[in-house]
Amino acid sequence: MSATEIINELPKLSEAERRTVRQKLLELDARNDDVRLCNQSALEGAMMLDRMEEEDARSRKG
């Protein structure tokens, strides 16, 4: 089913059904935000680890 087909069917839904659809859309958006935040945190952690390893390597040479 395409997005256009879904959108065209929305007016046929009851208010309760539309509320359920809205809730599901909000859940999907929240999940995407959670994944984005997890990816960002993992990247920041990896970058910090890289800096620490570089500093450790420099201190061992000097």
PDB file of N, CA and C in Angstrom:
ATOM      1  N   MET A   1       0.858  -1.171   0.000  1.00  0.00           N
ATOM      2  CA  MET A   1       0.000   0.000   0.000  1.00  0.00           C
ATOM      3  C   MET A   1       0.906   1.237   0.000  1.00  0.00           C
ATOM      4  N   SER A   2       0.588   2.177  -0.829  1.00  0.00           N
ATOM      5  CA  SER A   2       1.402   3.391  -0.928  1.00  0.00           C
ATOM      6  C   SER A   2       0.966   4.412   0.123  1.00  0.00           C
ATOM      7  N   ALA A   3       1.805   5.392   0.323  1.00  0.00           N
ATOM      8  CA  ALA A   3       1.481   6.464   1.267  1.00  0.00           C
ATOM      9  C   ALA A   3       0.232   7.211   0.805  1.00  0.00           C
ATOM     10  N   THR A   4       0.097   7.408  -0.493  1.00  0.00           N
ATOM     11  CA  THR A   4      -1.077   8.098  -1.027  1.00  0.00           C
ATOM     12  C   THR A   4      -2.347   7.317  -0.717  1.00  0.00           C
ATOM     13  N   GLU A   5      -2.281   6.012  -0.858  1.00  0.00           N
ATOM     14  CA  GLU A   5      -3.447   5.177  -0.556  1.00  0.00           C
ATOM     15  C   GLU A   5      -3.806   5.260   0.924  1.00  0.00           C
ATOM     16  N   ILE A   6      -2.792   5.239   1.772  1.00  0.00           N
ATOM     17  CA  ILE A   6      -3.039   5.334   3.211  1.00  0.00           C
ATOM     18  C   ILE A   6      -3.669   6.679   3.543  1.00  0.00           C
ATOM     19  N   ILE A   7      -3.113   7.744   3.003  1.00  0.00           N
ATOM     20  CA  ILE A   7      -3.631   9.095   3.263  1.00  0.00           C
ATOM     21  C   ILE A   7      -5.076   9.220   2.790  1.00  0.00           C
ATOM     22  N   ASN A   8      -5.387   8.640   1.651  1.00  0.00           N
ATOM     23  CA  ASN A   8      -6.754   8.702   1.129  1.00  0.00           C
ATOM     24  C   ASN A   8      -7.745   7.930   1.997  1.00  0.00           C
ATOM     25  N   GLU A   9      -7.266   6.935   2.726  1.00  0.00           N
ATOM     26  CA  GLU A   9      -8.139   6.139   3.590  1.00  0.00           C
ATOM     27  C   GLU A   9      -8.350   6.774   4.962  1.00  0.00           C
ATOM     28  N   LEU A  10      -7.484   7.683   5.372  1.00  0.00           N
ATOM     29  CA  LEU A  10      -7.575   8.269   6.711  1.00  0.00           C
ATOM     30  C   LEU A  10      -8.929   8.903   7.022  1.00  0.00           C
ATOM     31  N   PRO A  11      -9.540   9.652   6.103  1.00  0.00           N
ATOM     32  CA  PRO A  11     -10.850  10.245   6.430  1.00  0.00           C
ATOM     33  C   PRO A  11     -11.938   9.204   6.721  1.00  0.00           C
ATOM     34  N   LYS A  12     -11.758   8.000   6.278  1.00  0.00           N
ATOM     35  CA  LYS A  12     -12.752   6.944   6.500  1.00  0.00           C
ATOM     36  C   LYS A  12     -12.642   6.326   7.897  1.00  0.00           C
ATOM     37  N   LEU A  13     -11.563   6.614   8.608  1.00  0.00           N
ATOM     38  CA  LEU A  13     -11.349   6.034   9.932  1.00  0.00           C
ATOM     39  C   LEU A  13     -12.145   6.789  10.989  1.00  0.00           C
ATOM     40  N   SER A  14     -12.478   6.081  12.046  1.00  0.00           N
ATOM     41  CA  SER A  14     -13.123   6.731  13.195  1.00  0.00           C
ATOM     42  C   SER A  14     -12.078   7.555  13.937  1.00  0.00           C
ATOM     43  N   GLU A  15     -12.552   8.396  14.840  1.00  0.00           N
ATOM     44  CA  GLU A  15     -11.618   9.200  15.625  1.00  0.00           C
ATOM     45  C   GLU A  15     -10.685   8.311  16.436  1.00  0.00           C
ATOM     46  N   ALA A  16     -11.217   7.238  17.002  1.00  0.00           N
ATOM     47  CA  ALA A  16     -10.398   6.310  17.789  1.00  0.00           C
ATOM     48  C   ALA A  16      -9.336   5.647  16.912  1.00  0.00           C
ATOM     49  N   GLU A  17      -9.704   5.287  15.709  1.00  0.00           N
ATOM     50  CA  GLU A  17      -8.743   4.664  14.794  1.00  0.00           C
ATOM     51  C   GLU A  17      -7.655   5.658  14.385  1.00  0.00           C
ATOM     52  N   ARG A  18      -8.060   6.917  14.142  1.00  0.00           N
ATOM     53  CA  ARG A  18      -7.064   7.947  13.795  1.00  0.00           C
ATOM     54  C   ARG A  18      -6.125   8.198  14.972  1.00  0.00           C
ATOM     55  N   ARG A  19      -6.656   8.155  16.187  1.00  0.00           N
ATOM     56  CA  ARG A  19      -5.831   8.324  17.385  1.00  0.00           C
ATOM     57  C   ARG A  19      -4.802   7.196  17.477  1.00  0.00           C
ATOM     58  N   THR A  20      -5.219   5.990  17.161  1.00  0.00           N
ATOM     59  CA  THR A  20      -4.312   4.839  17.170  1.00  0.00           C
ATOM     60  C   THR A  20      -3.219   5.016  16.120  1.00  0.00           C
ATOM     61  N   VAL A  21      -3.599   5.508  14.949  1.00  0.00           N
ATOM     62  CA  VAL A  21      -2.620   5.754  13.879  1.00  0.00           C
ATOM     63  C   VAL A  21      -1.627   6.821  14.324  1.00  0.00           C
ATOM     64  N   ARG A  22      -2.129   7.908  14.915  1.00  0.00           N
ATOM     65  CA  ARG A  22      -1.231   8.974  15.398  1.00  0.00           C
ATOM     66  C   ARG A  22      -0.254   8.425  16.431  1.00  0.00           C
ATOM     67  N   GLN A  23      -0.753   7.612  17.352  1.00  0.00           N
ATOM     68  CA  GLN A  23       0.102   7.044  18.393  1.00  0.00           C
ATOM     69  C   GLN A  23       1.196   6.192  17.777  1.00  0.00           C
ATOM     70  N   LYS A  24       0.838   5.388  16.787  1.00  0.00           N
ATOM     71  CA  LYS A  24       1.833   4.534  16.135  1.00  0.00           C
ATOM     72  C   LYS A  24       2.882   5.381  15.428  1.00  0.00           C
ATOM     73  N   LEU A  25       2.460   6.444  14.761  1.00  0.00           N
ATOM     74  CA  LEU A  25       3.419   7.334  14.089  1.00  0.00           C
ATOM     75  C   LEU A  25       4.366   7.974  15.099  1.00  0.00           C
ATOM     76  N   LEU A  26       3.837   8.380  16.240  1.00  0.00           N
ATOM     77  CA  LEU A  26       4.685   8.956  17.291  1.00  0.00           C
ATOM     78  C   LEU A  26       5.685   7.931  17.814  1.00  0.00           C
ATOM     79  N   GLU A  27       5.239   6.680  17.982  1.00  0.00           N
ATOM     80  CA  GLU A  27       6.142   5.622  18.436  1.00  0.00           C
ATOM     81  C   GLU A  27       7.274   5.395  17.438  1.00  0.00           C
ATOM     82  N   LEU A  28       6.929   5.396  16.164  1.00  0.00           N
ATOM     83  CA  LEU A  28       7.954   5.196  15.131  1.00  0.00           C
ATOM     84  C   LEU A  28       8.951   6.345  15.119  1.00  0.00           C
ATOM     85  N   ASP A  29       8.455   7.575  15.264  1.00  0.00           N
ATOM     86  CA  ASP A  29       9.352   8.728  15.314  1.00  0.00           C
ATOM     87  C   ASP A  29      10.259   8.657  16.528  1.00  0.00           C
ATOM     88  N   ALA A  30       9.726   8.270  17.674  1.00  0.00           N
ATOM     89  CA  ALA A  30      10.531   8.168  18.897  1.00  0.00           C
ATOM     90  C   ALA A  30      11.613   7.120  18.721  1.00  0.00           C
ATOM     91  N   ARG A  31      11.279   6.016  18.088  1.00  0.00           N
ATOM     92  CA  ARG A  31      12.261   4.953  17.868  1.00  0.00           C
ATOM     93  C   ARG A  31      13.394   5.471  16.979  1.00  0.00           C
ATOM     94  N   ASN A  32      13.049   6.233  15.949  1.00  0.00           N
ATOM     95  CA  ASN A  32      14.078   6.794  15.078  1.00  0.00           C
ATOM     96  C   ASN A  32      14.986   7.756  15.846  1.00  0.00           C
ATOM     97  N   ASP A  33      14.399   8.572  16.738  1.00  0.00           N
ATOM     98  CA  ASP A  33      15.196   9.480  17.558  1.00  0.00           C
ATOM     99  C   ASP A  33      16.111   8.698  18.492  1.00  0.00           C
ATOM    100  N   ASP A  34      15.596   7.602  19.066  1.00  0.00           N
ATOM    101  CA  ASP A  34      16.417   6.785  19.955  1.00  0.00           C
ATOM    102  C   ASP A  34      17.613   6.206  19.213  1.00  0.00           C
ATOM    103  N   VAL A  35      17.385   5.718  18.007  1.00  0.00           N
ATOM    104  CA  VAL A  35      18.475   5.152  17.208  1.00  0.00           C
ATOM    105  C   VAL A  35      19.489   6.233  16.871  1.00  0.00           C
ATOM    106  N   ARG A  36      18.999   7.409  16.494  1.00  0.00           N
ATOM    107  CA  ARG A  36      19.901   8.512  16.153  1.00  0.00           C
ATOM    108  C   ARG A  36      20.744   8.904  17.366  1.00  0.00           C
ATOM    109  N   LEU A  37      20.113   9.001  18.535  1.00  0.00           N
ATOM    110  CA  LEU A  37      20.846   9.370  19.741  1.00  0.00           C
ATOM    111  C   LEU A  37      21.854   8.297  20.131  1.00  0.00           C
ATOM    112  N   CYS A  38      21.484   7.037  19.983  1.00  0.00           N
ATOM    113  CA  CYS A  38      22.426   5.949  20.288  1.00  0.00           C
ATOM    114  C   CYS A  38      23.619   5.991  19.344  1.00  0.00           C
ATOM    115  N   ASN A  39      23.365   6.210  18.073  1.00  0.00           N
ATOM    116  CA  ASN A  39      24.455   6.289  17.107  1.00  0.00           C
ATOM    117  C   ASN A  39      25.376   7.460  17.418  1.00  0.00           C
ATOM    118  N   GLN A  40      24.781   8.589  17.776  1.00  0.00           N
ATOM    119  CA  GLN A  40      25.578   9.769  18.111  1.00  0.00           C
ATOM    120  C   GLN A  40      26.429   9.504  19.349  1.00  0.00           C
ATOM    121  N   SER A  41      25.849   8.898  20.363  1.00  0.00           N
ATOM    122  CA  SER A  41      26.594   8.592  21.583  1.00  0.00           C
ATOM    123  C   SER A  41      27.727   7.613  21.306  1.00  0.00           C
ATOM    124  N   ALA A  42      27.466   6.604  20.483  1.00  0.00           N
ATOM    125  CA  ALA A  42      28.506   5.627  20.140  1.00  0.00           C
ATOM    126  C   ALA A  42      29.647   6.305  19.392  1.00  0.00           C
ATOM    127  N   LEU A  43      29.321   7.188  18.472  1.00  0.00           N
ATOM    128  CA  LEU A  43      30.353   7.902  17.715  1.00  0.00           C
ATOM    129  C   LEU A  43      31.188   8.776  18.646  1.00  0.00           C
ATOM    130  N   GLU A  44      30.538   9.502  19.535  1.00  0.00           N
ATOM    131  CA  GLU A  44      31.273  10.360  20.471  1.00  0.00           C
ATOM    132  C   GLU A  44      32.178   9.530  21.373  1.00  0.00           C
ATOM    133  N   GLY A  45      31.681   8.383  21.828  1.00  0.00           N
ATOM    134  CA  GLY A  45      32.494   7.511  22.668  1.00  0.00           C
ATOM    135  C   GLY A  45      33.705   6.975  21.924  1.00  0.00           C
ATOM    136  N   ALA A  46      33.509   6.588  20.669  1.00  0.00           N
ATOM    137  CA  ALA A  46      34.614   6.078  19.862  1.00  0.00           C
ATOM    138  C   ALA A  46      35.643   7.172  19.607  1.00  0.00           C
ATOM    139  N   MET A  47      35.190   8.383  19.354  1.00  0.00           N
ATOM    140  CA  MET A  47      36.116   9.499  19.126  1.00  0.00           C
ATOM    141  C   MET A  47      36.912   9.798  20.396  1.00  0.00           C
ATOM    142  N   MET A  48      36.275   9.738  21.553  1.00  0.00           N
ATOM    143  CA  MET A  48      36.974   9.967  22.812  1.00  0.00           C
ATOM    144  C   MET A  48      38.020   8.880  23.047  1.00  0.00           C
ATOM    145  N   LEU A  49      37.663   7.631  22.770  1.00  0.00           N
ATOM    146  CA  LEU A  49      38.610   6.530  22.908  1.00  0.00           C
ATOM    147  C   LEU A  49      39.800   6.714  21.969  1.00  0.00           C
ATOM    148  N   ASP A  50      39.537   7.136  20.725  1.00  0.00           N
ATOM    149  CA  ASP A  50      40.624   7.401  19.780  1.00  0.00           C
ATOM    150  C   ASP A  50      41.573   8.470  20.321  1.00  0.00           C
ATOM    151  N   ARG A  51      41.018   9.548  20.886  1.00  0.00           N
ATOM    152  CA  ARG A  51      41.863  10.623  21.441  1.00  0.00           C
ATOM    153  C   ARG A  51      42.703  10.102  22.604  1.00  0.00           C
ATOM    154  N   MET A  52      42.071   9.303  23.463  1.00  0.00           N
ATOM    155  CA  MET A  52      42.801   8.758  24.607  1.00  0.00           C
ATOM    156  C   MET A  52      43.931   7.833  24.156  1.00  0.00           C
ATOM    157  N   GLU A  53      43.680   7.020  23.144  1.00  0.00           N
ATOM    158  CA  GLU A  53      44.715   6.124  22.631  1.00  0.00           C
ATOM    159  C   GLU A  53      45.854   6.919  21.992  1.00  0.00           C
ATOM    160  N   GLU A  54      45.531   7.984  21.273  1.00  0.00           N
ATOM    161  CA  GLU A  54      46.565   8.834  20.669  1.00  0.00           C
ATOM    162  C   GLU A  54      47.412   9.498  21.757  1.00  0.00           C
ATOM    163  N   GLU A  55      46.759  10.026  22.806  1.00  0.00           N
ATOM    164  CA  GLU A  55      47.487  10.652  23.896  1.00  0.00           C
ATOM    165  C   GLU A  55      48.386   9.638  24.594  1.00  0.00           C
ATOM    166  N   ASP A  56      47.904   8.431  24.800  1.00  0.00           N
ATOM    167  CA  ASP A  56      48.693   7.375  25.447  1.00  0.00           C
ATOM    168  C   ASP A  56      49.910   7.024  24.586  1.00  0.00           C
ATOM    169  N   ALA A  57      49.705   6.916  23.273  1.00  0.00           N
ATOM    170  CA  ALA A  57      50.815   6.587  22.372  1.00  0.00           C
ATOM    171  C   ALA A  57      51.856   7.701  22.393  1.00  0.00           C
ATOM    172  N   ARG A  58      51.427   8.964  22.427  1.00  0.00           N
ATOM    173  CA  ARG A  58      52.374  10.096  22.468  1.00  0.00           C
ATOM    174  C   ARG A  58      53.151  10.100  23.773  1.00  0.00           C
ATOM    175  N   SER A  59      52.463   9.793  24.870  1.00  0.00           N
ATOM    176  CA  SER A  59      53.150   9.842  26.177  1.00  0.00           C
ATOM    177  C   SER A  59      54.166   8.696  26.294  1.00  0.00           C
ATOM    178  N   ARG A  60      53.937   7.606  25.634  1.00  0.00           N
ATOM    179  CA  ARG A  60      54.888   6.477  25.676  1.00  0.00           C
ATOM    180  C   ARG A  60      56.128   6.767  24.836  1.00  0.00           C
ATOM    181  N   LYS A  61      55.980   7.583  23.793  1.00  0.00           N
ATOM    182  CA  LYS A  61      57.131   7.924  22.929  1.00  0.00           C
ATOM    183  C   LYS A  61      58.012   8.961  23.599  1.00  0.00           C
ATOM    184  N   GLY A  62      57.403   9.819  24.382  1.00  0.00           N
ATOM    185  CA  GLY A  62      58.139  10.945  24.940  1.00  0.00           C
ATOM    186  C   GLY A  62      58.664  10.690  26.270  1.00  0.00           C
TER     187      GLY A  62
END
